[in-house]
PDB file of N, CA and C in Angstrom:
ATOM      1  N   HIS A   1      -3.216   6.641  41.062  1.00  0.00           N
ATOM      2  CA  HIS A   1      -3.760   7.977  41.093  1.00  0.00           C
ATOM      3  C   HIS A   1      -5.275   7.951  41.010  1.00  0.00           C
ATOM      4  N   ILE A   2      -5.804   6.912  40.374  1.00  0.00           N
ATOM      5  CA  ILE A   2      -7.255   6.792  40.295  1.00  0.00           C
ATOM      6  C   ILE A   2      -7.839   6.568  41.679  1.00  0.00           C
ATOM      7  N   SER A   3      -7.149   5.787  42.510  1.00  0.00           N
ATOM      8  CA  SER A   3      -7.646   5.534  43.860  1.00  0.00           C
ATOM      9  C   SER A   3      -7.727   6.836  44.663  1.00  0.00           C
ATOM     10  N   ALA A   4      -6.865   7.779  44.378  1.00  0.00           N
ATOM     11  CA  ALA A   4      -6.900   9.059  45.073  1.00  0.00           C
ATOM     12  C   ALA A   4      -8.139   9.859  44.684  1.00  0.00           C
ATOM     13  N   LEU A   5      -8.653   9.603  43.483  1.00  0.00           N
ATOM     14  CA  LEU A   5      -9.849  10.321  43.032  1.00  0.00           C
ATOM     15  C   LEU A   5     -11.121   9.757  43.642  1.00  0.00           C
ATOM     16  N   LYS A   6     -11.102   8.494  44.026  1.00  0.00           N
ATOM     17  CA  LYS A   6     -12.293   7.879  44.610  1.00  0.00           C
ATOM     18  C   LYS A   6     -12.628   8.574  45.920  1.00  0.00           C
ATOM     19  N   GLY A   7     -13.833   9.002  46.026  1.00  0.00           N
ATOM     20  CA  GLY A   7     -14.286   9.664  47.236  1.00  0.00           C
ATOM     21  C   GLY A   7     -13.866  11.115  47.335  1.00  0.00           C
ATOM     22  N   ALA A   8     -13.000  11.559  46.440  1.00  0.00           N
ATOM     23  CA  ALA A   8     -12.555  12.954  46.486  1.00  0.00           C
ATOM     24  C   ALA A   8     -13.624  13.837  45.879  1.00  0.00           C
ATOM     25  N   LYS A   9     -13.773  14.985  46.423  1.00  0.00           N
ATOM     26  CA  LYS A   9     -14.729  15.945  45.877  1.00  0.00           C
ATOM     27  C   LYS A   9     -13.989  16.808  44.862  1.00  0.00           C
ATOM     28  N   LEU A  10     -14.462  16.732  43.643  1.00  0.00           N
ATOM     29  CA  LEU A  10     -13.804  17.474  42.569  1.00  0.00           C
ATOM     30  C   LEU A  10     -14.320  18.898  42.523  1.00  0.00           C
ATOM     31  N   GLN A  11     -13.407  19.778  42.302  1.00  0.00           N
ATOM     32  CA  GLN A  11     -13.782  21.165  42.111  1.00  0.00           C
ATOM     33  C   GLN A  11     -13.888  21.416  40.612  1.00  0.00           C
ATOM     34  N   GLU A  12     -14.431  22.525  40.244  1.00  0.00           N
ATOM     35  CA  GLU A  12     -14.686  22.821  38.835  1.00  0.00           C
ATOM     36  C   GLU A  12     -13.422  22.737  37.990  1.00  0.00           C
ATOM     37  N   ASN A  13     -12.298  23.295  38.434  1.00  0.00           N
ATOM     38  CA  ASN A  13     -11.077  23.270  37.634  1.00  0.00           C
ATOM     39  C   ASN A  13     -10.449  21.875  37.642  1.00  0.00           C
ATOM     40  N   ASP A  14     -10.715  21.041  38.661  1.00  0.00           N
ATOM     41  CA  ASP A  14     -10.245  19.653  38.652  1.00  0.00           C
ATOM     42  C   ASP A  14     -10.944  18.877  37.540  1.00  0.00           C
ATOM     43  N   LEU A  15     -12.236  19.093  37.439  1.00  0.00           N
ATOM     44  CA  LEU A  15     -13.013  18.421  36.406  1.00  0.00           C
ATOM     45  C   LEU A  15     -12.547  18.857  35.016  1.00  0.00           C
ATOM     46  N   ALA A  16     -12.279  20.110  34.858  1.00  0.00           N
ATOM     47  CA  ALA A  16     -11.793  20.616  33.560  1.00  0.00           C
ATOM     48  C   ALA A  16     -10.468  19.958  33.199  1.00  0.00           C
ATOM     49  N   TYR A  17      -9.600  19.784  34.191  1.00  0.00           N
ATOM     50  CA  TYR A  17      -8.307  19.141  33.940  1.00  0.00           C
ATOM     51  C   TYR A  17      -8.487  17.681  33.548  1.00  0.00           C
ATOM     52  N   ILE A  18      -9.403  17.000  34.190  1.00  0.00           N
ATOM     53  CA  ILE A  18      -9.677  15.588  33.865  1.00  0.00           C
ATOM     54  C   ILE A  18     -10.217  15.484  32.440  1.00  0.00           C
ATOM     55  N   VAL A  19     -11.097  16.378  32.068  1.00  0.00           N
ATOM     56  CA  VAL A  19     -11.632  16.396  30.701  1.00  0.00           C
ATOM     57  C   VAL A  19     -10.505  16.665  29.706  1.00  0.00           C
ATOM     58  N   TYR A  20      -9.640  17.604  30.054  1.00  0.00           N
ATOM     59  CA  TYR A  20      -8.482  17.920  29.215  1.00  0.00           C
ATOM     60  C   TYR A  20      -7.600  16.684  29.028  1.00  0.00           C
ATOM     61  N   LEU A  21      -7.314  15.980  30.119  1.00  0.00           N
ATOM     62  CA  LEU A  21      -6.499  14.761  30.032  1.00  0.00           C
ATOM     63  C   LEU A  21      -7.182  13.690  29.187  1.00  0.00           C
ATOM     64  N   ALA A  22      -8.470  13.523  29.388  1.00  0.00           N
ATOM     65  CA  ALA A  22      -9.221  12.528  28.617  1.00  0.00           C
ATOM     66  C   ALA A  22      -9.177  12.852  27.127  1.00  0.00           C
ATOM     67  N   ASP A  23      -9.313  14.113  26.786  1.00  0.00           N
ATOM     68  CA  ASP A  23      -9.244  14.530  25.381  1.00  0.00           C
ATOM     69  C   ASP A  23      -7.864  14.232  24.788  1.00  0.00           C
ATOM     70  N   ASN A  24      -6.820  14.511  25.549  1.00  0.00           N
ATOM     71  CA  ASN A  24      -5.464  14.242  25.073  1.00  0.00           C
ATOM     72  C   ASN A  24      -5.198  12.748  24.923  1.00  0.00           C
ATOM     73  N   ILE A  25      -5.692  11.960  25.842  1.00  0.00           N
ATOM     74  CA  ILE A  25      -5.532  10.501  25.740  1.00  0.00           C
ATOM     75  C   ILE A  25      -6.271   9.982  24.514  1.00  0.00           C
ATOM     76  N   ALA A  26      -7.475  10.485  24.283  1.00  0.00           N
ATOM     77  CA  ALA A  26      -8.244  10.072  23.107  1.00  0.00           C
ATOM     78  C   ALA A  26      -7.528  10.463  21.813  1.00  0.00           C
ATOM     79  N   ALA A  27      -6.971  11.667  21.771  1.00  0.00           N
ATOM     80  CA  ALA A  27      -6.242  12.119  20.577  1.00  0.00           C
ATOM     81  C   ALA A  27      -5.004  11.259  20.349  1.00  0.00           C
ATOM     82  N   PHE A  28      -4.310  10.917  21.427  1.00  0.00           N
ATOM     83  CA  PHE A  28      -3.125  10.070  21.322  1.00  0.00           C
ATOM     84  C   PHE A  28      -3.510   8.679  20.814  1.00  0.00           C
ATOM     85  N   ALA A  29      -4.595   8.127  21.332  1.00  0.00           N
ATOM     86  CA  ALA A  29      -5.059   6.814  20.877  1.00  0.00           C
ATOM     87  C   ALA A  29      -5.429   6.858  19.400  1.00  0.00           C
ATOM     88  N   ASP A  30      -6.095   7.933  18.964  1.00  0.00           N
ATOM     89  CA  ASP A  30      -6.445   8.084  17.544  1.00  0.00           C
ATOM     90  C   ASP A  30      -5.192   8.138  16.676  1.00  0.00           C
ATOM     91  N   GLU A  31      -4.172   8.842  17.154  1.00  0.00           N
ATOM     92  CA  GLU A  31      -2.908   8.946  16.411  1.00  0.00           C
ATOM     93  C   GLU A  31      -2.240   7.576  16.289  1.00  0.00           C
ATOM     94  N   LEU A  32      -2.249   6.806  17.362  1.00  0.00           N
ATOM     95  CA  LEU A  32      -1.659   5.458  17.314  1.00  0.00           C
ATOM     96  C   LEU A  32      -2.393   4.564  16.318  1.00  0.00           C
ATOM     97  N   VAL A  33      -3.702   4.623  16.334  1.00  0.00           N
ATOM     98  CA  VAL A  33      -4.496   3.828  15.398  1.00  0.00           C
ATOM     99  C   VAL A  33      -4.178   4.236  13.965  1.00  0.00           C
ATOM    100  N   SER A  34      -4.085   5.536  13.733  1.00  0.00           N
ATOM    101  CA  SER A  34      -3.771   6.039  12.398  1.00  0.00           C
ATOM    102  C   SER A  34      -2.390   5.570  11.930  1.00  0.00           C
ATOM    103  N   ARG A  35      -1.413   5.648  12.827  1.00  0.00           N
ATOM    104  CA  ARG A  35      -0.060   5.205  12.462  1.00  0.00           C
ATOM    105  C   ARG A  35      -0.018   3.712  12.177  1.00  0.00           C
ATOM    106  N   LYS A  36      -0.746   2.940  12.950  1.00  0.00           N
ATOM    107  CA  LYS A  36      -0.789   1.487  12.725  1.00  0.00           C
ATOM    108  C   LYS A  36      -1.409   1.191  11.360  1.00  0.00           C
ATOM    109  N   GLU A  37      -2.488   1.888  11.031  1.00  0.00           N
ATOM    110  CA  GLU A  37      -3.127   1.703   9.727  1.00  0.00           C
ATOM    111  C   GLU A  37      -2.174   2.086   8.594  1.00  0.00           C
ATOM    112  N   ASP A  38      -1.465   3.208   8.755  1.00  0.00           N
ATOM    113  CA  ASP A  38      -0.498   3.646   7.738  1.00  0.00           C
ATOM    114  C   ASP A  38       0.607   2.612   7.549  1.00  0.00           C
ATOM    115  N   LEU A  39       1.109   2.069   8.657  1.00  0.00           N
ATOM    116  CA  LEU A  39       2.138   1.027   8.575  1.00  0.00           C
ATOM    117  C   LEU A  39       1.612  -0.196   7.846  1.00  0.00           C
ATOM    118  N   GLY A  40       0.405  -0.597   8.183  1.00  0.00           N
ATOM    119  CA  GLY A  40      -0.200  -1.761   7.538  1.00  0.00           C
ATOM    120  C   GLY A  40      -0.349  -1.563   6.038  1.00  0.00           C
ATOM    121  N   GLU A  41      -0.771  -0.375   5.638  1.00  0.00           N
ATOM    122  CA  GLU A  41      -0.918  -0.069   4.213  1.00  0.00           C
ATOM    123  C   GLU A  41       0.433  -0.085   3.506  1.00  0.00           C
ATOM    124  N   ARG A  42       1.441   0.486   4.137  1.00  0.00           N
ATOM    125  CA  ARG A  42       2.774   0.522   3.519  1.00  0.00           C
ATOM    126  C   ARG A  42       3.346  -0.889   3.389  1.00  0.00           C
ATOM    127  N   ILE A  43       3.177  -1.707   4.424  1.00  0.00           N
ATOM    128  CA  ILE A  43       3.641  -3.097   4.373  1.00  0.00           C
ATOM    129  C   ILE A  43       2.937  -3.832   3.237  1.00  0.00           C
ATOM    130  N   HIS A  44       1.646  -3.611   3.101  1.00  0.00           N
ATOM    131  CA  HIS A  44       0.841  -4.252   2.050  1.00  0.00           C
ATOM    132  C   HIS A  44       1.400  -3.919   0.660  1.00  0.00           C
ATOM    133  N   ILE A  45       1.762  -2.665   0.453  1.00  0.00           N
ATOM    134  CA  ILE A  45       2.316  -2.235  -0.838  1.00  0.00           C
ATOM    135  C   ILE A  45       3.726  -2.798  -1.035  1.00  0.00           C
ATOM    136  N   ILE A  46       4.555  -2.715  -0.007  1.00  0.00           N
ATOM    137  CA  ILE A  46       5.939  -3.192  -0.134  1.00  0.00           C
ATOM    138  C   ILE A  46       5.976  -4.686  -0.428  1.00  0.00           C
ATOM    139  N   GLU A  47       5.076  -5.445   0.169  1.00  0.00           N
ATOM    140  CA  GLU A  47       5.037  -6.887  -0.110  1.00  0.00           C
ATOM    141  C   GLU A  47       4.770  -7.151  -1.592  1.00  0.00           C
ATOM    142  N   ALA A  48       3.876  -6.374  -2.191  1.00  0.00           N
ATOM    143  CA  ALA A  48       3.602  -6.514  -3.627  1.00  0.00           C
ATOM    144  C   ALA A  48       4.817  -6.115  -4.456  1.00  0.00           C
ATOM    145  N   LEU A  49       5.456  -5.014  -4.083  1.00  0.00           N
ATOM    146  CA  LEU A  49       6.647  -4.569  -4.822  1.00  0.00           C
ATOM    147  C   LEU A  49       7.772  -5.590  -4.727  1.00  0.00           C
ATOM    148  N   GLN A  50       7.930  -6.149  -3.545  1.00  0.00           N
ATOM    149  CA  GLN A  50       8.977  -7.152  -3.351  1.00  0.00           C
ATOM    150  C   GLN A  50       8.679  -8.399  -4.186  1.00  0.00           C
ATOM    151  N   TRP A  51       7.422  -8.806  -4.217  1.00  0.00           N
ATOM    152  CA  TRP A  51       7.043  -9.958  -5.037  1.00  0.00           C
ATOM    153  C   TRP A  51       7.334  -9.652  -6.511  1.00  0.00           C
ATOM    154  N   ALA A  52       6.986  -8.451  -6.940  1.00  0.00           N
ATOM    155  CA  ALA A  52       7.212  -8.049  -8.332  1.00  0.00           C
ATOM    156  C   ALA A  52       8.708  -8.047  -8.661  1.00  0.00           C
ATOM    157  N   GLN A  53       9.541  -7.595  -7.724  1.00  0.00           N
ATOM    158  CA  GLN A  53      10.988  -7.615  -7.945  1.00  0.00           C
ATOM    159  C   GLN A  53      11.481  -9.039  -8.178  1.00  0.00           C
ATOM    160  N   ASN A  54      10.942  -9.967  -7.441  1.00  0.00           N
ATOM    161  CA  ASN A  54      11.384 -11.357  -7.543  1.00  0.00           C
ATOM    162  C   ASN A  54      10.752 -12.105  -8.710  1.00  0.00           C
ATOM    163  N   HIS A  55       9.765 -11.500  -9.346  1.00  0.00           N
ATOM    164  CA  HIS A  55       9.094 -12.120 -10.494  1.00  0.00           C
ATOM    165  C   HIS A  55       9.028 -11.113 -11.651  1.00  0.00           C
ATOM    166  N   SER A  56      10.124 -10.412 -11.861  1.00  0.00           N
ATOM    167  CA  SER A  56      10.147  -9.305 -12.819  1.00  0.00           C
ATOM    168  C   SER A  56       9.782  -9.737 -14.242  1.00  0.00           C
ATOM    169  N   GLU A  57      10.231 -10.900 -14.671  1.00  0.00           N
ATOM    170  CA  GLU A  57       9.930 -11.330 -16.041  1.00  0.00           C
ATOM    171  C   GLU A  57       8.430 -11.496 -16.243  1.00  0.00           C
ATOM    172  N   GLN A  58       7.749 -12.072 -15.262  1.00  0.00           N
ATOM    173  CA  GLN A  58       6.301 -12.247 -15.363  1.00  0.00           C
ATOM    174  C   GLN A  58       5.587 -10.890 -15.370  1.00  0.00           C
ATOM    175  N   ILE A  59       6.025 -10.001 -14.502  1.00  0.00           N
ATOM    176  CA  ILE A  59       5.410  -8.671 -14.413  1.00  0.00           C
ATOM    177  C   ILE A  59       5.579  -7.915 -15.729  1.00  0.00           C
ATOM    178  N   ILE A  60       6.802  -7.902 -16.240  1.00  0.00           N
ATOM    179  CA  ILE A  60       7.083  -7.176 -17.484  1.00  0.00           C
ATOM    180  C   ILE A  60       6.287  -7.763 -18.645  1.00  0.00           C
ATOM    181  N   GLU A  61       6.177  -9.067 -18.698  1.00  0.00           N
ATOM    182  CA  GLU A  61       5.417  -9.719 -19.775  1.00  0.00           C
ATOM    183  C   GLU A  61       3.951  -9.272 -19.750  1.00  0.00           C
ATOM    184  N   VAL A  62       3.363  -9.231 -18.576  1.00  0.00           N
ATOM    185  CA  VAL A  62       1.966  -8.824 -18.458  1.00  0.00           C
ATOM    186  C   VAL A  62       1.814  -7.347 -18.826  1.00  0.00           C
ATOM    187  N   ILE A  63       2.715  -6.510 -18.351  1.00  0.00           N
ATOM    188  CA  ILE A  63       2.621  -5.073 -18.631  1.00  0.00           C
ATOM    189  C   ILE A  63       2.874  -4.779 -20.106  1.00  0.00           C
ATOM    190  N   GLU A  64       3.827  -5.477 -20.707  1.00  0.00           N
ATOM    191  CA  GLU A  64       4.101  -5.274 -22.143  1.00  0.00           C
ATOM    192  C   GLU A  64       2.898  -5.628 -23.002  1.00  0.00           C
ATOM    193  N   GLY A  65       2.099  -6.573 -22.561  1.00  0.00           N
ATOM    194  CA  GLY A  65       0.934  -6.992 -23.338  1.00  0.00           C
ATOM    195  C   GLY A  65      -0.288  -6.112 -23.147  1.00  0.00           C
ATOM    196  N   ALA A  66      -0.164  -5.097 -22.339  1.00  0.00           N
ATOM    197  CA  ALA A  66      -1.305  -4.224 -22.056  1.00  0.00           C
ATOM    198  C   ALA A  66      -1.392  -3.090 -23.066  1.00  0.00           C
ATOM    199  N   GLU A  67      -2.618  -2.603 -23.270  1.00  0.00           N
ATOM    200  CA  GLU A  67      -2.844  -1.501 -24.202  1.00  0.00           C
ATOM    201  C   GLU A  67      -2.402  -0.162 -23.622  1.00  0.00           C
ATOM    202  N   ASP A  68      -2.648   0.040 -22.336  1.00  0.00           N
ATOM    203  CA  ASP A  68      -2.290   1.299 -21.690  1.00  0.00           C
ATOM    204  C   ASP A  68      -2.107   1.034 -20.192  1.00  0.00           C
ATOM    205  N   TYR A  69      -1.876   2.114 -19.456  1.00  0.00           N
ATOM    206  CA  TYR A  69      -1.634   1.997 -18.016  1.00  0.00           C
ATOM    207  C   TYR A  69      -2.795   1.298 -17.302  1.00  0.00           C
ATOM    208  N   TYR A  70      -4.011   1.691 -17.619  1.00  0.00           N
ATOM    209  CA  TYR A  70      -5.182   1.151 -16.929  1.00  0.00           C
ATOM    210  C   TYR A  70      -5.367  -0.334 -17.227  1.00  0.00           C
ATOM    211  N   ASP A  71      -5.103  -0.698 -18.466  1.00  0.00           N
ATOM    212  CA  ASP A  71      -5.174  -2.110 -18.845  1.00  0.00           C
ATOM    213  C   ASP A  71      -4.068  -2.893 -18.138  1.00  0.00           C
ATOM    214  N   ALA A  72      -2.889  -2.301 -18.043  1.00  0.00           N
ATOM    215  CA  ALA A  72      -1.771  -2.953 -17.355  1.00  0.00           C
ATOM    216  C   ALA A  72      -2.125  -3.196 -15.891  1.00  0.00           C
ATOM    217  N   ARG A  73      -2.678  -2.180 -15.247  1.00  0.00           N
ATOM    218  CA  ARG A  73      -3.060  -2.319 -13.837  1.00  0.00           C
ATOM    219  C   ARG A  73      -4.113  -3.410 -13.665  1.00  0.00           C
ATOM    220  N   ALA A  74      -5.093  -3.425 -14.539  1.00  0.00           N
ATOM    221  CA  ALA A  74      -6.153  -4.435 -14.467  1.00  0.00           C
ATOM    222  C   ALA A  74      -5.587  -5.839 -14.680  1.00  0.00           C
ATOM    223  N   LYS A  75      -4.671  -5.967 -15.655  1.00  0.00           N
ATOM    224  CA  LYS A  75      -4.078  -7.282 -15.923  1.00  0.00           C
ATOM    225  C   LYS A  75      -3.191  -7.748 -14.773  1.00  0.00           C
ATOM    226  N   VAL A  76      -2.481  -6.831 -14.148  1.00  0.00           N
ATOM    227  CA  VAL A  76      -1.652  -7.182 -12.993  1.00  0.00           C
ATOM    228  C   VAL A  76      -2.547  -7.647 -11.847  1.00  0.00           C
ATOM    229  N   MET A  77      -3.662  -6.964 -11.655  1.00  0.00           N
ATOM    230  CA  MET A  77      -4.609  -7.365 -10.605  1.00  0.00           C
ATOM    231  C   MET A  77      -5.153  -8.770 -10.891  1.00  0.00           C
ATOM    232  N   GLU A  78      -5.593  -8.956 -12.108  1.00  0.00           N
ATOM    233  CA  GLU A  78      -6.211 -10.231 -12.494  1.00  0.00           C
ATOM    234  C   GLU A  78      -5.199 -11.382 -12.484  1.00  0.00           C
ATOM    235  N   THR A  79      -4.031 -11.161 -13.031  1.00  0.00           N
ATOM    236  CA  THR A  79      -3.039 -12.224 -13.177  1.00  0.00           C
ATOM    237  C   THR A  79      -2.405 -12.626 -11.853  1.00  0.00           C
ATOM    238  N   PHE A  80      -2.110 -11.652 -11.011  1.00  0.00           N
ATOM    239  CA  PHE A  80      -1.334 -11.941  -9.800  1.00  0.00           C
ATOM    240  C   PHE A  80      -2.132 -11.815  -8.505  1.00  0.00           C
ATOM    241  N   GLY A  81      -3.390 -11.420  -8.605  1.00  0.00           N
ATOM    242  CA  GLY A  81      -4.237 -11.335  -7.427  1.00  0.00           C
ATOM    243  C   GLY A  81      -3.969 -10.138  -6.529  1.00  0.00           C
ATOM    244  N   PHE A  82      -3.337  -9.099  -7.073  1.00  0.00           N
ATOM    245  CA  PHE A  82      -3.099  -7.893  -6.299  1.00  0.00           C
ATOM    246  C   PHE A  82      -4.378  -7.068  -6.234  1.00  0.00           C
ATOM    247  N   ASP A  83      -4.517  -6.283  -5.177  1.00  0.00           N
ATOM    248  CA  ASP A  83      -5.623  -5.337  -5.141  1.00  0.00           C
ATOM    249  C   ASP A  83      -5.220  -4.094  -5.927  1.00  0.00           C
ATOM    250  N   ARG A  84      -6.114  -3.141  -6.007  1.00  0.00           N
ATOM    251  CA  ARG A  84      -5.891  -1.961  -6.857  1.00  0.00           C
ATOM    252  C   ARG A  84      -4.639  -1.173  -6.462  1.00  0.00           C
ATOM    253  N   ILE A  85      -4.474  -0.915  -5.175  1.00  0.00           N
ATOM    254  CA  ILE A  85      -3.326  -0.108  -4.729  1.00  0.00           C
ATOM    255  C   ILE A  85      -2.015  -0.848  -4.972  1.00  0.00           C
ATOM    256  N   GLN A  86      -2.006  -2.151  -4.784  1.00  0.00           N
ATOM    257  CA  GLN A  86      -0.797  -2.938  -5.052  1.00  0.00           C
ATOM    258  C   GLN A  86      -0.494  -2.944  -6.545  1.00  0.00           C
ATOM    259  N   ALA A  87      -1.510  -3.178  -7.353  1.00  0.00           N
ATOM    260  CA  ALA A  87      -1.314  -3.206  -8.806  1.00  0.00           C
ATOM    261  C   ALA A  87      -0.847  -1.853  -9.317  1.00  0.00           C
ATOM    262  N   GLN A  88      -1.394  -0.793  -8.770  1.00  0.00           N
ATOM    263  CA  GLN A  88      -0.960   0.548  -9.163  1.00  0.00           C
ATOM    264  C   GLN A  88       0.514   0.739  -8.830  1.00  0.00           C
ATOM    265  N   SER A  89       0.905   0.329  -7.639  1.00  0.00           N
ATOM    266  CA  SER A  89       2.308   0.471  -7.223  1.00  0.00           C
ATOM    267  C   SER A  89       3.234  -0.352  -8.116  1.00  0.00           C
ATOM    268  N   VAL A  90       2.810  -1.545  -8.462  1.00  0.00           N
ATOM    269  CA  VAL A  90       3.634  -2.424  -9.305  1.00  0.00           C
ATOM    270  C   VAL A  90       3.756  -1.851 -10.712  1.00  0.00           C
ATOM    271  N   THR A  91       2.655  -1.386 -11.281  1.00  0.00           N
ATOM    272  CA  THR A  91       2.720  -0.865 -12.655  1.00  0.00           C
ATOM    273  C   THR A  91       3.478   0.458 -12.732  1.00  0.00           C
ATOM    274  N   GLU A  92       3.621   1.145 -11.604  1.00  0.00           N
ATOM    275  CA  GLU A  92       4.363   2.407 -11.588  1.00  0.00           C
ATOM    276  C   GLU A  92       5.825   2.224 -11.189  1.00  0.00           C
ATOM    277  N   MET A  93       6.257   0.989 -10.991  1.00  0.00           N
ATOM    278  CA  MET A  93       7.654   0.733 -10.625  1.00  0.00           C
ATOM    279  C   MET A  93       8.583   1.200 -11.730  1.00  0.00           C
ATOM    280  N   ARG A  94       9.714   1.748 -11.332  1.00  0.00           N
ATOM    281  CA  ARG A  94      10.746   2.115 -12.301  1.00  0.00           C
ATOM    282  C   ARG A  94      11.641   0.910 -12.545  1.00  0.00           C
ATOM    283  N   VAL A  95      12.259   0.863 -13.675  1.00  0.00           N
ATOM    284  CA  VAL A  95      13.124  -0.252 -14.041  1.00  0.00           C
ATOM    285  C   VAL A  95      14.249  -0.432 -13.023  1.00  0.00           C
ATOM    286  N   ARG A  96      14.764   0.659 -12.501  1.00  0.00           N
ATOM    287  CA  ARG A  96      15.866   0.562 -11.540  1.00  0.00           C
ATOM    288  C   ARG A  96      15.472  -0.203 -10.281  1.00  0.00           C
ATOM    289  N   THR A  97      14.181  -0.309 -10.015  1.00  0.00           N
ATOM    290  CA  THR A  97      13.697  -1.016  -8.832  1.00  0.00           C
ATOM    291  C   THR A  97      14.067  -2.495  -8.865  1.00  0.00           C
ATOM    292  N   PHE A  98      14.385  -2.997 -10.032  1.00  0.00           N
ATOM    293  CA  PHE A  98      14.714  -4.413 -10.159  1.00  0.00           C
ATOM    294  C   PHE A  98      16.194  -4.700  -9.893  1.00  0.00           C
ATOM    295  N   CYS A  99      17.008  -3.669  -9.678  1.00  0.00           N
ATOM    296  CA  CYS A  99      18.422  -3.857  -9.347  1.00  0.00           C
ATOM    297  C   CYS A  99      18.559  -4.435  -7.942  1.00  0.00           C
ATOM    298  N   GLU A 100      19.644  -5.150  -7.714  1.00  0.00           N
ATOM    299  CA  GLU A 100      19.865  -5.806  -6.417  1.00  0.00           C
ATOM    300  C   GLU A 100      19.876  -4.817  -5.256  1.00  0.00           C
ATOM    301  N   ILE A 101      20.517  -3.678  -5.429  1.00  0.00           N
ATOM    302  CA  ILE A 101      20.592  -2.708  -4.336  1.00  0.00           C
ATOM    303  C   ILE A 101      19.205  -2.209  -3.964  1.00  0.00           C
ATOM    304  N   GLU A 102      18.347  -2.026  -4.955  1.00  0.00           N
ATOM    305  CA  GLU A 102      16.974  -1.580  -4.698  1.00  0.00           C
ATOM    306  C   GLU A 102      16.174  -2.680  -4.004  1.00  0.00           C
ATOM    307  N   LYS A 103      16.448  -3.921  -4.365  1.00  0.00           N
ATOM    308  CA  LYS A 103      15.785  -5.041  -3.692  1.00  0.00           C
ATOM    309  C   LYS A 103      16.173  -5.064  -2.215  1.00  0.00           C
ATOM    310  N   GLU A 104      17.443  -4.818  -1.934  1.00  0.00           N
ATOM    311  CA  GLU A 104      17.916  -4.796  -0.552  1.00  0.00           C
ATOM    312  C   GLU A 104      17.281  -3.640   0.216  1.00  0.00           C
ATOM    313  N   LYS A 105      17.184  -2.484  -0.427  1.00  0.00           N
ATOM    314  CA  LYS A 105      16.566  -1.331   0.231  1.00  0.00           C
ATOM    315  C   LYS A 105      15.112  -1.620   0.587  1.00  0.00           C
ATOM    316  N   LEU A 106      14.388  -2.193  -0.357  1.00  0.00           N
ATOM    317  CA  LEU A 106      12.983  -2.499  -0.129  1.00  0.00           C
ATOM    318  C   LEU A 106      12.822  -3.553   0.961  1.00  0.00           C
ATOM    319  N   SER A 107      13.696  -4.532   0.955  1.00  0.00           N
ATOM    320  CA  SER A 107      13.669  -5.569   1.984  1.00  0.00           C
ATOM    321  C   SER A 107      13.929  -4.965   3.366  1.00  0.00           C
ATOM    322  N   GLY A 108      14.887  -4.061   3.444  1.00  0.00           N
ATOM    323  CA  GLY A 108      15.197  -3.380   4.701  1.00  0.00           C
ATOM    324  C   GLY A 108      14.032  -2.533   5.185  1.00  0.00           C
ATOM    325  N   GLU A 109      13.398  -1.847   4.254  1.00  0.00           N
ATOM    326  CA  GLU A 109      12.240  -1.014   4.607  1.00  0.00           C
ATOM    327  C   GLU A 109      11.102  -1.881   5.133  1.00  0.00           C
ATOM    328  N   LEU A 110      10.861  -3.002   4.462  1.00  0.00           N
ATOM    329  CA  LEU A 110       9.805  -3.913   4.897  1.00  0.00           C
ATOM    330  C   LEU A 110      10.101  -4.455   6.299  1.00  0.00           C
ATOM    331  N   GLN A 111      11.335  -4.833   6.523  1.00  0.00           N
ATOM    332  CA  GLN A 111      11.735  -5.355   7.828  1.00  0.00           C
ATOM    333  C   GLN A 111      11.542  -4.286   8.926  1.00  0.00           C
ATOM    334  N   LYS A 112      11.914  -3.057   8.618  1.00  0.00           N
ATOM    335  CA  LYS A 112      11.769  -1.954   9.570  1.00  0.00           C
ATOM    336  C   LYS A 112      10.299  -1.724   9.915  1.00  0.00           C
ATOM    337  N   PHE A 113       9.443  -1.704   8.899  1.00  0.00           N
ATOM    338  CA  PHE A 113       8.023  -1.465   9.136  1.00  0.00           C
ATOM    339  C   PHE A 113       7.371  -2.625   9.880  1.00  0.00           C
ATOM    340  N   ARG A 114       7.781  -3.834   9.559  1.00  0.00           N
ATOM    341  CA  ARG A 114       7.232  -4.982  10.295  1.00  0.00           C
ATOM    342  C   ARG A 114       7.647  -4.925  11.766  1.00  0.00           C
ATOM    343  N   GLY A 115       8.863  -4.473  12.028  1.00  0.00           N
ATOM    344  CA  GLY A 115       9.321  -4.305  13.404  1.00  0.00           C
ATOM    345  C   GLY A 115       8.480  -3.282  14.148  1.00  0.00           C
ATOM    346  N   LYS A 116       8.181  -2.181  13.473  1.00  0.00           N
ATOM    347  CA  LYS A 116       7.323  -1.163  14.079  1.00  0.00           C
ATOM    348  C   LYS A 116       5.914  -1.704  14.332  1.00  0.00           C
ATOM    349  N   MET A 117       5.437  -2.508  13.376  1.00  0.00           N
ATOM    350  CA  MET A 117       4.093  -3.064  13.528  1.00  0.00           C
ATOM    351  C   MET A 117       4.027  -4.006  14.725  1.00  0.00           C
ATOM    352  N   GLU A 118       5.110  -4.724  14.981  1.00  0.00           N
ATOM    353  CA  GLU A 118       5.152  -5.627  16.128  1.00  0.00           C
ATOM    354  C   GLU A 118       4.990  -4.869  17.439  1.00  0.00           C
ATOM    355  N   LEU A 119       5.447  -3.633  17.483  1.00  0.00           N
ATOM    356  CA  LEU A 119       5.289  -2.823  18.691  1.00  0.00           C
ATOM    357  C   LEU A 119       3.811  -2.584  19.019  1.00  0.00           C
ATOM    358  N   PHE A 120       2.989  -2.511  17.971  1.00  0.00           N
ATOM    359  CA  PHE A 120       1.560  -2.313  18.181  1.00  0.00           C
ATOM    360  C   PHE A 120       0.893  -3.578  18.711  1.00  0.00           C
ATOM    361  N   GLN A 121       1.499  -4.724  18.451  1.00  0.00           N
ATOM    362  CA  GLN A 121       0.919  -5.985  18.877  1.00  0.00           C
ATOM    363  C   GLN A 121       1.124  -6.228  20.368  1.00  0.00           C
ATOM    364  N   GLU A 122       2.117  -5.576  20.940  1.00  0.00           N
ATOM    365  CA  GLU A 122       2.455  -5.804  22.354  1.00  0.00           C
ATOM    366  C   GLU A 122       1.524  -5.100  23.295  1.00  0.00           C
TER     367      GLU A 122
END
């Protein structure tokens, strides 16, 4: 279709339509970038939660030794190398998250998001 535009004389409403299409393509590209970033952030958090599920005794020991929530988050960051958002997610985990069914759910969610992320790589 681009070849049809070469050499064609555009009229005023043709140009407006092209601008309209360009704006929509740009908005769509922005939406894709935003979704990819959101997926990446969610994967980043789920990986920390999954690690915490598999190392629950270590996590609980560090959190039990903390003075308050903020100290717990700081100690989780320092001890396990998590960033702030990961440490926040780990310190806010509910006890039920350590059950096998919850581990399976989180694993499934991570797998689903990684699959979606692969679509962006293609």
